[in-house]
Amino acid sequence: MTPTVNTKTDHGQGGRIDHILLSPMLARAVVPGSYQVHVSDAGNEASDHRMVSVRLDLTRVRSGPMQAGW
C-alpha cells in the first residue's frame, strides 16, 4: 500500500494515516479497486499529506424520499 504522507514526513516508515469516510449509503457506491494515493513532486512540496481518492458510482445509491432519522 502506498504511504499517504509525503516523502519528507514519511522517513521510510510507510505511513498511511489518511482515510476516506463515507456514509453507509455512499459506501455502497465505491467502485472496487478505485482507491488511489496521488503522488507528485508538486504535492510533496504543497503539503505533508498526499491526496487520496475513490471513484463513486452513484447509480448504486438508492434514490427516494429521505428516511426517518436523517
Protein backbone atom coordinates (compact mmCIF):
# COMPACT_ATOMS: atom_id res chain seq x y z
CA MET A 1 0.00 0.00 0.00
CA THR A 2 1.26 3.49 -0.84
CA PRO A 3 2.06 5.83 2.10
CA THR A 4 -0.35 8.76 2.42
CA VAL A 5 2.21 11.19 3.84
CA ASN A 6 4.86 12.84 1.68
CA THR A 7 8.49 11.82 1.45
CA LYS A 8 9.78 14.40 3.97
CA THR A 9 7.23 13.31 6.59
CA ASP A 10 7.36 9.56 5.96
CA HIS A 11 11.10 8.94 6.57
CA GLY A 12 10.68 5.46 5.06
CA GLN A 13 8.13 4.31 7.64
CA GLY A 14 5.30 3.73 5.14
CA GLY A 15 2.81 5.94 6.99
CA ARG A 16 -0.83 5.51 5.97
CA ILE A 17 -2.70 8.00 8.13
CA ASP A 18 -5.26 9.48 5.74
CA HIS A 19 -8.65 7.89 5.19
CA ILE A 20 -11.82 8.36 3.19
CA LEU A 21 -15.00 8.32 5.27
CA LEU A 22 -18.43 7.83 3.73
CA SER A 23 -21.94 7.36 4.97
CA PRO A 24 -23.22 3.77 4.76
CA MET A 25 -25.36 4.73 1.77
CA LEU A 26 -22.41 6.21 -0.16
CA ALA A 27 -20.12 3.35 0.85
CA ARG A 28 -22.20 1.13 -1.47
CA ALA A 29 -21.24 3.44 -4.34
CA VAL A 30 -17.45 2.99 -4.05
CA VAL A 31 -16.08 1.48 -7.26
CA PRO A 32 -13.98 -1.55 -6.26
CA GLY A 33 -10.29 -1.03 -6.96
CA SER A 34 -10.62 2.74 -7.40
CA TYR A 35 -8.78 3.76 -4.19
CA GLN A 36 -5.75 5.82 -5.19
CA VAL A 37 -2.97 7.74 -3.45
CA HIS A 38 -1.85 10.63 -5.67
CA VAL A 39 1.94 11.04 -5.61
CA SER A 40 3.57 14.06 -7.27
CA ASP A 41 6.52 16.39 -6.78
CA ALA A 42 4.14 19.37 -6.51
CA GLY A 43 2.07 17.54 -3.90
CA ASN A 44 5.20 16.73 -1.89
CA GLU A 45 6.02 20.44 -1.76
CA ALA A 46 2.47 21.68 -1.10
CA SER A 47 1.55 19.51 1.89
CA ASP A 48 2.80 16.85 4.24
CA HIS A 49 -0.17 14.65 3.21
CA ARG A 50 -0.94 13.12 -0.16
CA MET A 51 -4.37 13.31 -1.74
CA VAL A 52 -6.34 10.06 -1.57
CA SER A 53 -9.43 9.37 -3.66
CA VAL A 54 -12.02 6.80 -4.68
CA ARG A 55 -14.50 6.81 -7.54
CA LEU A 56 -18.21 6.62 -6.77
CA ASP A 57 -20.87 5.03 -8.97
CA LEU A 58 -23.93 6.95 -7.84
CA THR A 59 -26.25 4.59 -9.70
CA ARG A 60 -25.60 2.20 -6.79
CA VAL A 61 -27.22 4.65 -4.35
CA ARG A 62 -30.94 4.27 -3.77
CA SER A 63 -32.96 7.32 -4.63
CA GLY A 64 -36.20 8.25 -2.98
CA PRO A 65 -37.55 10.15 -0.03
CA MET A 66 -35.27 10.78 2.92
CA GLN A 67 -35.61 8.10 5.56
CA ALA A 68 -36.61 8.92 9.14
CA GLY A 69 -33.64 9.81 11.30
CA TRP A 70 -31.65 11.59 8.60
